[in-house]
Amino acid sequence: MIMRPGQQLLLPANPVFIWGSLVMALLVNLVPLGRVAWMPDVLALVLVFWSVHQPLRVGIGAAFVFGLCMDVHQAALLGQHAWAYTALSFFAITIHRRLLWFSVPSQALQVLPLFVAAHAIELTIRMIGGGVFPGLSLLLAPLFEALLWPVVSVLLLAPQRRAPDPDENRPL
């Protein structure tokens, strides 16, 4: 892949770090904070991040399994989060090559429609199943997720940005 001028060459992502960050995001979502409609879905955010940056390691299957975990935890209709996360991962993988050419703030604007679509899928399934409408504050969650995109990008790419051990044979 051709890199933008001034873009830093990243080290390979450690699979243990990738899956550890996904499990940590799942644990953050499992914390009983009295979830309200406007709270960002941290797991969805991290799933999109790794689907964009490592589409061969984190894909639709992982999104489906994490979605089922969230469905069981929240006692939601089985498949509500799974379908939303699967669609989110699919569209993130679809745009990952184009998305990486943009700066991080521009990326946040481009993943916003993905988060809106995921929340719309969850809401639609909830409403079809006879659930109650959570209110218009639901519209804030995708916005907060897009605002957290630069923070998540900095945190999750930090281990790849560390300088490798230089030696005389490898001047990077």
N, C-alpha and C. Protein backbone atom coordinates (compact mmCIF):
# COMPACT_ATOMS: atom_id res chain seq x y z
N MET A 1 0.84 -1.17 0.00
CA MET A 1 0.00 0.00 0.00
C MET A 1 0.89 1.24 0.00
N ILE A 2 0.55 2.20 -0.80
CA ILE A 2 1.29 3.45 -0.87
C ILE A 2 0.88 4.31 0.33
N MET A 3 1.87 4.87 1.01
CA MET A 3 1.58 5.65 2.21
C MET A 3 1.53 7.13 1.87
N ARG A 4 0.76 7.86 2.66
CA ARG A 4 0.72 9.32 2.53
C ARG A 4 2.06 9.89 2.95
N PRO A 5 2.45 11.04 2.41
CA PRO A 5 3.70 11.68 2.83
C PRO A 5 3.62 12.04 4.32
N GLY A 6 4.66 11.72 5.05
CA GLY A 6 4.73 12.05 6.46
C GLY A 6 4.06 11.03 7.37
N GLN A 7 3.44 10.00 6.80
CA GLN A 7 2.78 8.99 7.61
C GLN A 7 3.83 8.07 8.21
N GLN A 8 3.67 7.77 9.49
CA GLN A 8 4.64 6.93 10.19
C GLN A 8 4.43 5.47 9.83
N LEU A 9 5.53 4.75 9.64
CA LEU A 9 5.48 3.32 9.38
C LEU A 9 5.18 2.62 10.70
N LEU A 10 4.12 1.82 10.72
CA LEU A 10 3.69 1.16 11.95
C LEU A 10 4.26 -0.24 12.05
N LEU A 11 4.52 -0.66 13.27
CA LEU A 11 4.91 -2.04 13.51
C LEU A 11 3.69 -2.94 13.34
N PRO A 12 3.90 -4.24 13.16
CA PRO A 12 2.74 -5.14 13.05
C PRO A 12 1.96 -5.16 14.37
N ALA A 13 0.65 -5.32 14.23
CA ALA A 13 -0.21 -5.37 15.41
C ALA A 13 -0.07 -6.73 16.09
N ASN A 14 0.03 -6.70 17.41
CA ASN A 14 0.13 -7.92 18.19
C ASN A 14 -1.27 -8.52 18.35
N PRO A 15 -1.49 -9.77 17.93
CA PRO A 15 -2.82 -10.37 18.05
C PRO A 15 -3.33 -10.41 19.49
N VAL A 16 -2.44 -10.58 20.44
CA VAL A 16 -2.86 -10.60 21.85
C VAL A 16 -3.40 -9.23 22.25
N PHE A 17 -2.77 -8.17 21.76
CA PHE A 17 -3.26 -6.82 22.05
C PHE A 17 -4.61 -6.56 21.39
N ILE A 18 -4.76 -7.02 20.16
CA ILE A 18 -6.02 -6.82 19.44
C ILE A 18 -7.17 -7.48 20.20
N TRP A 19 -7.01 -8.77 20.50
CA TRP A 19 -8.10 -9.49 21.17
C TRP A 19 -8.26 -9.04 22.61
N GLY A 20 -7.17 -8.64 23.25
CA GLY A 20 -7.27 -8.10 24.62
C GLY A 20 -8.05 -6.80 24.64
N SER A 21 -7.83 -5.95 23.65
CA SER A 21 -8.58 -4.69 23.61
C SER A 21 -10.05 -4.93 23.33
N LEU A 22 -10.36 -5.94 22.51
CA LEU A 22 -11.76 -6.28 22.26
C LEU A 22 -12.44 -6.83 23.52
N VAL A 23 -11.73 -7.67 24.25
CA VAL A 23 -12.29 -8.20 25.50
C VAL A 23 -12.46 -7.09 26.53
N MET A 24 -11.51 -6.17 26.59
CA MET A 24 -11.64 -5.04 27.53
C MET A 24 -12.83 -4.15 27.15
N ALA A 25 -13.04 -3.94 25.86
CA ALA A 25 -14.20 -3.16 25.42
C ALA A 25 -15.50 -3.88 25.78
N LEU A 26 -15.51 -5.20 25.65
CA LEU A 26 -16.68 -5.98 26.06
C LEU A 26 -16.93 -5.82 27.56
N LEU A 27 -15.86 -5.87 28.35
CA LEU A 27 -16.00 -5.70 29.79
C LEU A 27 -16.49 -4.31 30.16
N VAL A 28 -16.05 -3.29 29.42
CA VAL A 28 -16.54 -1.93 29.66
C VAL A 28 -18.04 -1.87 29.38
N ASN A 29 -18.48 -2.54 28.31
CA ASN A 29 -19.90 -2.56 28.00
C ASN A 29 -20.71 -3.35 29.03
N LEU A 30 -20.07 -4.31 29.69
CA LEU A 30 -20.77 -5.14 30.67
C LEU A 30 -20.91 -4.46 32.03
N VAL A 31 -20.17 -3.39 32.26
CA VAL A 31 -20.25 -2.69 33.55
C VAL A 31 -21.65 -2.09 33.69
N PRO A 32 -22.31 -2.38 34.80
CA PRO A 32 -23.69 -1.88 34.97
C PRO A 32 -23.71 -0.42 35.40
N LEU A 33 -23.65 0.47 34.46
CA LEU A 33 -23.66 1.90 34.74
C LEU A 33 -25.05 2.50 34.60
N GLY A 34 -26.07 1.65 34.61
CA GLY A 34 -27.40 2.17 34.36
C GLY A 34 -27.47 2.70 32.94
N ARG A 35 -27.18 1.83 31.99
CA ARG A 35 -27.06 2.24 30.58
C ARG A 35 -28.24 3.07 30.14
N VAL A 36 -27.92 4.20 29.63
CA VAL A 36 -28.92 5.09 29.05
C VAL A 36 -28.70 5.11 27.55
N ALA A 37 -29.67 5.61 26.83
CA ALA A 37 -29.63 5.54 25.36
C ALA A 37 -28.47 6.32 24.75
N TRP A 38 -27.99 7.37 25.40
CA TRP A 38 -26.98 8.21 24.77
C TRP A 38 -25.55 7.73 25.03
N MET A 39 -25.38 6.69 25.85
CA MET A 39 -24.02 6.20 26.14
C MET A 39 -23.41 5.55 24.90
N PRO A 40 -22.16 5.85 24.61
CA PRO A 40 -21.52 5.23 23.43
C PRO A 40 -21.27 3.75 23.66
N ASP A 41 -21.32 3.00 22.60
CA ASP A 41 -21.06 1.57 22.63
C ASP A 41 -19.57 1.37 22.35
N VAL A 42 -18.81 1.16 23.41
CA VAL A 42 -17.36 1.05 23.31
C VAL A 42 -16.96 -0.17 22.48
N LEU A 43 -17.68 -1.26 22.66
CA LEU A 43 -17.36 -2.47 21.91
C LEU A 43 -17.54 -2.25 20.41
N ALA A 44 -18.61 -1.57 20.03
CA ALA A 44 -18.83 -1.28 18.60
C ALA A 44 -17.70 -0.41 18.05
N LEU A 45 -17.27 0.54 18.85
CA LEU A 45 -16.20 1.44 18.44
C LEU A 45 -14.89 0.69 18.21
N VAL A 46 -14.54 -0.19 19.14
CA VAL A 46 -13.30 -0.96 19.01
C VAL A 46 -13.42 -1.99 17.89
N LEU A 47 -14.60 -2.57 17.72
CA LEU A 47 -14.80 -3.50 16.60
C LEU A 47 -14.60 -2.81 15.25
N VAL A 48 -15.14 -1.62 15.11
CA VAL A 48 -14.95 -0.88 13.86
C VAL A 48 -13.49 -0.54 13.67
N PHE A 49 -12.83 -0.11 14.74
CA PHE A 49 -11.42 0.26 14.63
C PHE A 49 -10.59 -0.92 14.12
N TRP A 50 -10.75 -2.09 14.75
CA TRP A 50 -9.94 -3.24 14.34
C TRP A 50 -10.41 -3.81 13.01
N SER A 51 -11.68 -3.65 12.67
CA SER A 51 -12.14 -4.09 11.34
C SER A 51 -11.53 -3.22 10.24
N VAL A 52 -11.26 -1.97 10.56
CA VAL A 52 -10.63 -1.07 9.59
C VAL A 52 -9.13 -1.33 9.51
N HIS A 53 -8.49 -1.48 10.66
CA HIS A 53 -7.03 -1.59 10.67
C HIS A 53 -6.51 -3.02 10.51
N GLN A 54 -7.28 -4.02 10.92
CA GLN A 54 -6.86 -5.42 10.80
C GLN A 54 -8.02 -6.27 10.31
N PRO A 55 -8.48 -6.06 9.07
CA PRO A 55 -9.68 -6.77 8.60
C PRO A 55 -9.50 -8.28 8.46
N LEU A 56 -8.26 -8.75 8.37
CA LEU A 56 -8.04 -10.19 8.26
C LEU A 56 -8.07 -10.88 9.61
N ARG A 57 -7.88 -10.14 10.68
CA ARG A 57 -7.88 -10.73 12.02
C ARG A 57 -9.19 -10.55 12.74
N VAL A 58 -9.81 -9.41 12.56
CA VAL A 58 -11.09 -9.13 13.22
C VAL A 58 -12.11 -8.90 12.13
N GLY A 59 -13.03 -9.81 12.01
CA GLY A 59 -13.99 -9.71 10.92
C GLY A 59 -15.42 -9.86 11.39
N ILE A 60 -16.22 -10.30 10.48
CA ILE A 60 -17.65 -10.39 10.71
C ILE A 60 -17.97 -11.47 11.73
N GLY A 61 -17.24 -12.57 11.72
CA GLY A 61 -17.48 -13.64 12.69
C GLY A 61 -17.24 -13.19 14.12
N ALA A 62 -16.16 -12.45 14.33
CA ALA A 62 -15.88 -11.93 15.68
C ALA A 62 -16.96 -10.95 16.10
N ALA A 63 -17.41 -10.11 15.17
CA ALA A 63 -18.46 -9.15 15.48
C ALA A 63 -19.75 -9.87 15.87
N PHE A 64 -20.06 -10.96 15.18
CA PHE A 64 -21.26 -11.73 15.49
C PHE A 64 -21.18 -12.33 16.89
N VAL A 65 -20.04 -12.91 17.23
CA VAL A 65 -19.87 -13.54 18.56
C VAL A 65 -19.95 -12.49 19.66
N PHE A 66 -19.29 -11.35 19.48
CA PHE A 66 -19.37 -10.29 20.48
C PHE A 66 -20.80 -9.74 20.58
N GLY A 67 -21.50 -9.69 19.46
CA GLY A 67 -22.89 -9.24 19.48
C GLY A 67 -23.78 -10.20 20.26
N LEU A 68 -23.56 -11.49 20.08
CA LEU A 68 -24.32 -12.47 20.86
C LEU A 68 -24.03 -12.33 22.36
N CYS A 69 -22.78 -12.07 22.71
CA CYS A 69 -22.43 -11.84 24.11
C CYS A 69 -23.20 -10.65 24.68
N MET A 70 -23.28 -9.57 23.91
CA MET A 70 -24.02 -8.39 24.37
C MET A 70 -25.52 -8.67 24.45
N ASP A 71 -26.04 -9.45 23.51
CA ASP A 71 -27.46 -9.81 23.56
C ASP A 71 -27.78 -10.60 24.83
N VAL A 72 -26.94 -11.57 25.15
CA VAL A 72 -27.16 -12.38 26.35
C VAL A 72 -27.03 -11.52 27.60
N HIS A 73 -26.03 -10.66 27.64
CA HIS A 73 -25.83 -9.81 28.82
C HIS A 73 -26.99 -8.86 29.05
N GLN A 74 -27.48 -8.23 28.01
CA GLN A 74 -28.54 -7.24 28.15
C GLN A 74 -29.94 -7.84 28.08
N ALA A 75 -30.03 -9.16 27.96
CA ALA A 75 -31.31 -9.86 27.84
C ALA A 75 -32.14 -9.26 26.70
N ALA A 76 -31.46 -8.92 25.63
CA ALA A 76 -32.11 -8.36 24.45
C ALA A 76 -32.56 -9.50 23.56
N LEU A 77 -33.29 -9.17 22.51
CA LEU A 77 -33.66 -10.18 21.53
C LEU A 77 -32.38 -10.79 20.98
N LEU A 78 -32.34 -12.10 20.95
CA LEU A 78 -31.13 -12.77 20.50
C LEU A 78 -30.88 -12.42 19.03
N GLY A 79 -29.81 -11.73 18.77
CA GLY A 79 -29.45 -11.31 17.43
C GLY A 79 -29.53 -9.81 17.22
N GLN A 80 -30.04 -9.09 18.21
CA GLN A 80 -30.18 -7.63 18.05
C GLN A 80 -28.82 -6.98 17.90
N HIS A 81 -27.95 -7.18 18.86
CA HIS A 81 -26.60 -6.62 18.78
C HIS A 81 -25.76 -7.37 17.75
N ALA A 82 -25.99 -8.69 17.65
CA ALA A 82 -25.21 -9.50 16.72
C ALA A 82 -25.40 -9.00 15.29
N TRP A 83 -26.62 -8.72 14.92
CA TRP A 83 -26.88 -8.24 13.57
C TRP A 83 -26.29 -6.84 13.37
N ALA A 84 -26.45 -5.98 14.37
CA ALA A 84 -25.91 -4.62 14.26
C ALA A 84 -24.38 -4.64 14.16
N TYR A 85 -23.73 -5.43 15.00
CA TYR A 85 -22.26 -5.50 14.98
C TYR A 85 -21.76 -6.14 13.69
N THR A 86 -22.50 -7.14 13.20
CA THR A 86 -22.10 -7.79 11.95
C THR A 86 -22.18 -6.81 10.78
N ALA A 87 -23.26 -6.05 10.71
CA ALA A 87 -23.39 -5.04 9.65
C ALA A 87 -22.32 -3.97 9.79
N LEU A 88 -22.06 -3.56 11.03
CA LEU A 88 -21.04 -2.55 11.30
C LEU A 88 -19.67 -3.04 10.84
N SER A 89 -19.34 -4.28 11.16
CA SER A 89 -18.05 -4.83 10.76
C SER A 89 -17.97 -5.00 9.24
N PHE A 90 -19.05 -5.44 8.62
CA PHE A 90 -19.06 -5.60 7.17
C PHE A 90 -18.79 -4.28 6.46
N PHE A 91 -19.50 -3.23 6.87
CA PHE A 91 -19.32 -1.94 6.20
C PHE A 91 -17.96 -1.31 6.54
N ALA A 92 -17.45 -1.58 7.74
CA ALA A 92 -16.11 -1.07 8.08
C ALA A 92 -15.05 -1.74 7.22
N ILE A 93 -15.19 -3.05 7.01
CA ILE A 93 -14.24 -3.76 6.15
C ILE A 93 -14.38 -3.29 4.71
N THR A 94 -15.60 -2.97 4.31
CA THR A 94 -15.84 -2.50 2.95
C THR A 94 -15.12 -1.19 2.66
N ILE A 95 -15.09 -0.28 3.63
CA ILE A 95 -14.49 1.03 3.40
C ILE A 95 -13.08 1.17 3.97
N HIS A 96 -12.50 0.08 4.49
CA HIS A 96 -11.24 0.23 5.22
C HIS A 96 -10.09 0.77 4.36
N ARG A 97 -9.99 0.40 3.11
CA ARG A 97 -8.88 0.90 2.28
C ARG A 97 -9.01 2.40 2.02
N ARG A 98 -10.22 2.83 1.76
CA ARG A 98 -10.46 4.26 1.49
C ARG A 98 -10.32 5.08 2.77
N LEU A 99 -10.78 4.53 3.88
CA LEU A 99 -10.80 5.27 5.14
C LEU A 99 -9.39 5.58 5.64
N LEU A 100 -8.45 4.67 5.41
CA LEU A 100 -7.10 4.86 5.93
C LEU A 100 -6.33 5.96 5.21
N TRP A 101 -6.84 6.45 4.09
CA TRP A 101 -6.18 7.55 3.37
C TRP A 101 -6.48 8.90 4.00
N PHE A 102 -7.48 8.97 4.87
CA PHE A 102 -7.89 10.23 5.46
C PHE A 102 -7.23 10.43 6.81
N SER A 103 -7.22 11.68 7.27
CA SER A 103 -6.72 11.97 8.61
C SER A 103 -7.73 11.43 9.63
N VAL A 104 -7.30 11.34 10.86
CA VAL A 104 -8.16 10.76 11.90
C VAL A 104 -9.45 11.56 12.11
N PRO A 105 -9.43 12.90 12.15
CA PRO A 105 -10.71 13.61 12.27
C PRO A 105 -11.65 13.37 11.08
N SER A 106 -11.08 13.27 9.88
CA SER A 106 -11.91 12.96 8.72
C SER A 106 -12.46 11.54 8.79
N GLN A 107 -11.68 10.64 9.34
CA GLN A 107 -12.16 9.27 9.53
C GLN A 107 -13.35 9.25 10.48
N ALA A 108 -13.30 10.09 11.52
CA ALA A 108 -14.41 10.15 12.47
C ALA A 108 -15.70 10.55 11.78
N LEU A 109 -15.61 11.49 10.86
CA LEU A 109 -16.80 11.90 10.12
C LEU A 109 -17.31 10.79 9.20
N GLN A 110 -16.39 9.98 8.71
CA GLN A 110 -16.80 8.94 7.78
C GLN A 110 -17.33 7.69 8.46
N VAL A 111 -16.96 7.46 9.72
CA VAL A 111 -17.52 6.31 10.44
C VAL A 111 -18.82 6.66 11.15
N LEU A 112 -19.14 7.95 11.24
CA LEU A 112 -20.40 8.36 11.86
C LEU A 112 -21.61 7.69 11.22
N PRO A 113 -21.74 7.64 9.89
CA PRO A 113 -22.90 6.95 9.31
C PRO A 113 -22.95 5.46 9.65
N LEU A 114 -21.79 4.83 9.84
CA LEU A 114 -21.77 3.42 10.25
C LEU A 114 -22.40 3.26 11.63
N PHE A 115 -22.02 4.14 12.55
CA PHE A 115 -22.57 4.06 13.90
C PHE A 115 -24.07 4.38 13.91
N VAL A 116 -24.48 5.33 13.09
CA VAL A 116 -25.91 5.65 12.98
C VAL A 116 -26.67 4.44 12.45
N ALA A 117 -26.14 3.78 11.45
CA ALA A 117 -26.80 2.60 10.88
C ALA A 117 -26.88 1.47 11.91
N ALA A 118 -25.81 1.26 12.69
CA ALA A 118 -25.83 0.19 13.69
C ALA A 118 -26.89 0.45 14.75
N HIS A 119 -26.98 1.70 15.21
CA HIS A 119 -28.00 2.03 16.21
C HIS A 119 -29.40 1.95 15.61
N ALA A 120 -29.53 2.27 14.34
CA ALA A 120 -30.84 2.16 13.67
C ALA A 120 -31.26 0.69 13.57
N ILE A 121 -30.31 -0.19 13.29
CA ILE A 121 -30.62 -1.62 13.23
C ILE A 121 -31.06 -2.12 14.59
N GLU A 122 -30.31 -1.76 15.64
CA GLU A 122 -30.69 -2.18 16.99
C GLU A 122 -32.07 -1.66 17.37
N LEU A 123 -32.34 -0.39 17.07
CA LEU A 123 -33.64 0.21 17.40
C LEU A 123 -34.77 -0.48 16.63
N THR A 124 -34.54 -0.75 15.36
CA THR A 124 -35.57 -1.39 14.54
C THR A 124 -35.91 -2.77 15.09
N ILE A 125 -34.90 -3.55 15.42
CA ILE A 125 -35.16 -4.89 15.95
C ILE A 125 -35.85 -4.79 17.30
N ARG A 126 -35.44 -3.85 18.13
CA ARG A 126 -36.08 -3.66 19.43
C ARG A 126 -37.55 -3.29 19.27
N MET A 127 -37.84 -2.39 18.34
CA MET A 127 -39.22 -1.95 18.14
C MET A 127 -40.07 -3.06 17.52
N ILE A 128 -39.53 -3.85 16.61
CA ILE A 128 -40.26 -4.97 16.03
C ILE A 128 -40.60 -6.00 17.11
N GLY A 129 -39.67 -6.17 18.06
CA GLY A 129 -39.88 -7.12 19.15
C GLY A 129 -40.81 -6.61 20.23
N GLY A 130 -41.33 -5.40 20.08
CA GLY A 130 -42.28 -4.87 21.06
C GLY A 130 -41.64 -4.06 22.17
N GLY A 131 -40.41 -3.65 22.00
CA GLY A 131 -39.73 -2.84 23.01
C GLY A 131 -40.23 -1.40 23.00
N VAL A 132 -39.81 -0.66 24.01
CA VAL A 132 -40.21 0.75 24.11
C VAL A 132 -39.15 1.62 23.43
N PHE A 133 -39.59 2.74 22.90
CA PHE A 133 -38.68 3.68 22.25
C PHE A 133 -37.85 4.38 23.32
N PRO A 134 -36.52 4.35 23.22
CA PRO A 134 -35.68 4.92 24.27
C PRO A 134 -35.64 6.44 24.30
N GLY A 135 -36.18 7.09 23.31
CA GLY A 135 -36.17 8.55 23.28
C GLY A 135 -35.19 9.08 22.25
N LEU A 136 -35.27 10.36 22.03
CA LEU A 136 -34.41 10.99 21.03
C LEU A 136 -32.96 11.10 21.48
N SER A 137 -32.70 10.84 22.76
CA SER A 137 -31.31 10.87 23.22
C SER A 137 -30.49 9.75 22.57
N LEU A 138 -31.16 8.79 21.95
CA LEU A 138 -30.47 7.72 21.22
C LEU A 138 -29.63 8.29 20.08
N LEU A 139 -30.01 9.44 19.57
CA LEU A 139 -29.27 10.06 18.47
C LEU A 139 -27.90 10.57 18.90
N LEU A 140 -27.68 10.72 20.20
CA LEU A 140 -26.40 11.22 20.68
C LEU A 140 -25.32 10.13 20.72
N ALA A 141 -25.72 8.88 20.88
CA ALA A 141 -24.74 7.79 20.99
C ALA A 141 -23.82 7.70 19.77
N PRO A 142 -24.34 7.69 18.53
CA PRO A 142 -23.42 7.63 17.38
C PRO A 142 -22.51 8.85 17.30
N LEU A 143 -23.02 9.99 17.71
CA LEU A 143 -22.20 11.20 17.70
C LEU A 143 -21.05 11.09 18.70
N PHE A 144 -21.33 10.59 19.90
CA PHE A 144 -20.28 10.39 20.90
C PHE A 144 -19.27 9.34 20.44
N GLU A 145 -19.75 8.30 19.77
CA GLU A 145 -18.83 7.28 19.26
C GLU A 145 -17.90 7.87 18.21
N ALA A 146 -18.43 8.71 17.34
CA ALA A 146 -17.58 9.35 16.33
C ALA A 146 -16.60 10.32 16.98
N LEU A 147 -17.02 11.00 18.05
CA LEU A 147 -16.11 11.90 18.76
C LEU A 147 -15.02 11.13 19.50
N LEU A 148 -15.29 9.89 19.89
CA LEU A 148 -14.29 9.06 20.56
C LEU A 148 -13.33 8.39 19.58
N TRP A 149 -13.63 8.43 18.30
CA TRP A 149 -12.78 7.77 17.29
C TRP A 149 -11.32 8.24 17.36
N PRO A 150 -11.02 9.55 17.43
CA PRO A 150 -9.60 9.95 17.53
C PRO A 150 -8.92 9.44 18.80
N VAL A 151 -9.64 9.42 19.90
CA VAL A 151 -9.06 8.93 21.16
C VAL A 151 -8.73 7.45 21.05
N VAL A 152 -9.67 6.68 20.52
CA VAL A 152 -9.45 5.24 20.35
C VAL A 152 -8.32 4.99 19.36
N SER A 153 -8.23 5.80 18.31
CA SER A 153 -7.16 5.64 17.32
C SER A 153 -5.79 5.85 17.96
N VAL A 154 -5.67 6.87 18.78
CA VAL A 154 -4.40 7.14 19.43
C VAL A 154 -4.05 6.02 20.41
N LEU A 155 -5.01 5.58 21.21
CA LEU A 155 -4.75 4.55 22.22
C LEU A 155 -4.42 3.20 21.61
N LEU A 156 -5.16 2.80 20.60
CA LEU A 156 -4.97 1.46 20.05
C LEU A 156 -3.82 1.37 19.04
N LEU A 157 -3.40 2.49 18.49
CA LEU A 157 -2.24 2.46 17.59
C LEU A 157 -0.93 2.77 18.32
N ALA A 158 -1.00 3.16 19.59
CA ALA A 158 0.20 3.51 20.34
C ALA A 158 1.23 2.38 20.40
N PRO A 159 0.84 1.13 20.66
CA PRO A 159 1.87 0.06 20.68
C PRO A 159 2.54 -0.15 19.33
N GLN A 160 1.86 0.16 18.24
CA GLN A 160 2.46 -0.02 16.92
C GLN A 160 3.37 1.14 16.55
N ARG A 161 3.22 2.26 17.23
CA ARG A 161 4.04 3.43 16.91
C ARG A 161 5.35 3.47 17.68
N ARG A 162 5.54 2.59 18.63
CA ARG A 162 6.78 2.63 19.40
C ARG A 162 7.95 2.32 18.48
N ALA A 163 9.06 2.92 18.80
CA ALA A 163 10.25 2.75 17.96
C ALA A 163 10.82 1.35 18.15
N PRO A 164 11.12 0.67 17.06
CA PRO A 164 11.76 -0.64 17.19
C PRO A 164 13.19 -0.46 17.67
N ASP A 165 13.76 -1.53 18.14
CA ASP A 165 15.15 -1.48 18.59
C ASP A 165 16.06 -1.29 17.37
N PRO A 166 16.73 -0.13 17.29
CA PRO A 166 17.58 0.10 16.12
C PRO A 166 18.91 -0.67 16.23
N ASP A 167 19.42 -1.08 15.14
CA ASP A 167 20.75 -1.65 15.08
C ASP A 167 21.40 -1.24 13.76
N GLU A 168 22.64 -1.64 13.52
CA GLU A 168 23.32 -1.17 12.32
C GLU A 168 22.75 -1.79 11.04
N ASN A 169 22.06 -2.92 11.14
CA ASN A 169 21.49 -3.56 9.95
C ASN A 169 20.07 -3.09 9.64
N ARG A 170 19.45 -2.46 10.62
CA ARG A 170 18.05 -2.04 10.47
C ARG A 170 17.93 -0.60 10.97
N PRO A 171 18.12 0.38 10.11
CA PRO A 171 18.19 1.77 10.54
C PRO A 171 16.85 2.42 10.87
N LEU A 172 15.73 1.74 10.70
CA LEU A 172 14.43 2.33 11.02
C LEU A 172 14.35 2.52 12.49
